[in-house]
Amino acid sequence: MGNPNLLPYETIVRATSGEPEAVDEVLRHYSKRIRMAALENGHIDSVC
Protein backbone atom coordinates (compact mmCIF):
# COMPACT_ATOMS: atom_id res chain seq x y z
CA MET A 1 0.00 0.00 0.00
CA GLY A 2 1.02 3.67 -0.18
CA ASN A 3 2.87 5.85 2.27
CA PRO A 4 0.76 6.24 5.45
CA ASN A 5 2.20 9.75 6.00
CA LEU A 6 0.61 11.09 2.82
CA LEU A 7 -2.88 12.52 2.56
CA PRO A 8 -5.27 10.41 0.52
CA TYR A 9 -5.64 11.59 -3.07
CA GLU A 10 -9.39 11.94 -2.58
CA THR A 11 -8.83 14.39 0.27
CA ILE A 12 -6.61 16.56 -1.93
CA VAL A 13 -9.18 16.52 -4.74
CA ARG A 14 -11.97 17.48 -2.32
CA ALA A 15 -9.83 20.26 -0.84
CA THR A 16 -9.02 21.73 -4.25
CA SER A 17 -12.73 21.78 -5.04
CA GLY A 18 -13.28 23.85 -1.89
CA GLU A 19 -14.82 21.36 0.54
CA PRO A 20 -14.23 22.97 3.97
CA GLU A 21 -13.69 19.71 5.88
CA ALA A 22 -11.06 18.56 3.38
CA VAL A 23 -9.31 21.94 3.47
CA ASP A 24 -9.18 21.73 7.27
CA GLU A 25 -7.74 18.22 7.04
CA VAL A 26 -5.01 19.41 4.67
CA LEU A 27 -4.18 22.37 6.92
CA ARG A 28 -4.00 20.13 9.99
CA HIS A 29 -1.80 17.64 8.14
CA TYR A 30 0.67 20.30 7.00
CA SER A 31 0.41 22.66 10.00
CA LYS A 32 3.96 21.98 11.21
CA ARG A 33 5.41 22.59 7.75
CA ILE A 34 3.34 25.76 7.37
CA ARG A 35 4.62 27.06 10.73
CA MET A 36 8.22 26.25 9.77
CA ALA A 37 7.81 28.00 6.41
CA ALA A 38 6.46 31.08 8.21
CA LEU A 39 9.61 31.37 10.31
CA GLU A 40 12.14 33.95 9.25
CA ASN A 41 15.42 34.17 11.16
CA GLY A 42 13.86 32.21 14.01
CA HIS A 43 10.82 34.48 14.29
CA ILE A 44 7.35 34.22 12.83
CA ASP A 45 7.12 36.34 9.70
CA SER A 46 4.13 38.63 10.26
CA VAL A 47 4.25 40.39 6.88
CA CYS A 48 1.07 38.62 5.75
C-alpha atoms as a PDB file:
ATOM      1  CA  MET A   1       0.000   0.000   0.000  1.00  0.00           C
ATOM      2  CA  GLY A   2       1.017   3.673  -0.178  1.00  0.00           C
ATOM      3  CA  ASN A   3       2.868   5.854   2.269  1.00  0.00           C
ATOM      4  CA  PRO A   4       0.758   6.244   5.452  1.00  0.00           C
ATOM      5  CA  ASN A   5       2.198   9.752   6.004  1.00  0.00           C
ATOM      6  CA  LEU A   6       0.611  11.094   2.824  1.00  0.00           C
ATOM      7  CA  LEU A   7      -2.876  12.520   2.562  1.00  0.00           C
ATOM      8  CA  PRO A   8      -5.266  10.405   0.524  1.00  0.00           C
ATOM      9  CA  TYR A   9      -5.636  11.586  -3.074  1.00  0.00           C
ATOM     10  CA  GLU A  10      -9.394  11.935  -2.582  1.00  0.00           C
ATOM     11  CA  THR A  11      -8.828  14.394   0.272  1.00  0.00           C
ATOM     12  CA  ILE A  12      -6.614  16.560  -1.926  1.00  0.00           C
ATOM     13  CA  VAL A  13      -9.181  16.520  -4.738  1.00  0.00           C
ATOM     14  CA  ARG A  14     -11.974  17.483  -2.318  1.00  0.00           C
ATOM     15  CA  ALA A  15      -9.829  20.264  -0.835  1.00  0.00           C
ATOM     16  CA  THR A  16      -9.023  21.725  -4.247  1.00  0.00           C
ATOM     17  CA  SER A  17     -12.726  21.779  -5.044  1.00  0.00           C
ATOM     18  CA  GLY A  18     -13.284  23.853  -1.891  1.00  0.00           C
ATOM     19  CA  GLU A  19     -14.822  21.361   0.539  1.00  0.00           C
ATOM     20  CA  PRO A  20     -14.225  22.972   3.974  1.00  0.00           C
ATOM     21  CA  GLU A  21     -13.685  19.715   5.880  1.00  0.00           C
ATOM     22  CA  ALA A  22     -11.064  18.558   3.383  1.00  0.00           C
ATOM     23  CA  VAL A  23      -9.312  21.943   3.469  1.00  0.00           C
ATOM     24  CA  ASP A  24      -9.183  21.726   7.271  1.00  0.00           C
ATOM     25  CA  GLU A  25      -7.739  18.217   7.043  1.00  0.00           C
ATOM     26  CA  VAL A  26      -5.011  19.408   4.665  1.00  0.00           C
ATOM     27  CA  LEU A  27      -4.176  22.371   6.917  1.00  0.00           C
ATOM     28  CA  ARG A  28      -4.003  20.127   9.993  1.00  0.00           C
ATOM     29  CA  HIS A  29      -1.802  17.637   8.138  1.00  0.00           C
ATOM     30  CA  TYR A  30       0.670  20.304   6.997  1.00  0.00           C
ATOM     31  CA  SER A  31       0.410  22.661  10.001  1.00  0.00           C
ATOM     32  CA  LYS A  32       3.961  21.976  11.209  1.00  0.00           C
ATOM     33  CA  ARG A  33       5.413  22.589   7.752  1.00  0.00           C
ATOM     34  CA  ILE A  34       3.337  25.763   7.375  1.00  0.00           C
ATOM     35  CA  ARG A  35       4.620  27.059  10.729  1.00  0.00           C
ATOM     36  CA  MET A  36       8.217  26.250   9.769  1.00  0.00           C
ATOM     37  CA  ALA A  37       7.806  28.001   6.406  1.00  0.00           C
ATOM     38  CA  ALA A  38       6.463  31.078   8.211  1.00  0.00           C
ATOM     39  CA  LEU A  39       9.613  31.366  10.311  1.00  0.00           C
ATOM     40  CA  GLU A  40      12.143  33.948   9.245  1.00  0.00           C
ATOM     41  CA  ASN A  41      15.421  34.168  11.161  1.00  0.00           C
ATOM     42  CA  GLY A  42      13.855  32.210  14.013  1.00  0.00           C
ATOM     43  CA  HIS A  43      10.823  34.485  14.286  1.00  0.00           C
ATOM     44  CA  ILE A  44       7.355  34.221  12.832  1.00  0.00           C
ATOM     45  CA  ASP A  45       7.124  36.340   9.698  1.00  0.00           C
ATOM     46  CA  SER A  46       4.132  38.630  10.261  1.00  0.00           C
ATOM     47  CA  VAL A  47       4.250  40.388   6.881  1.00  0.00           C
ATOM     48  CA  CYS A  48       1.068  38.617   5.747  1.00  0.00           C
END
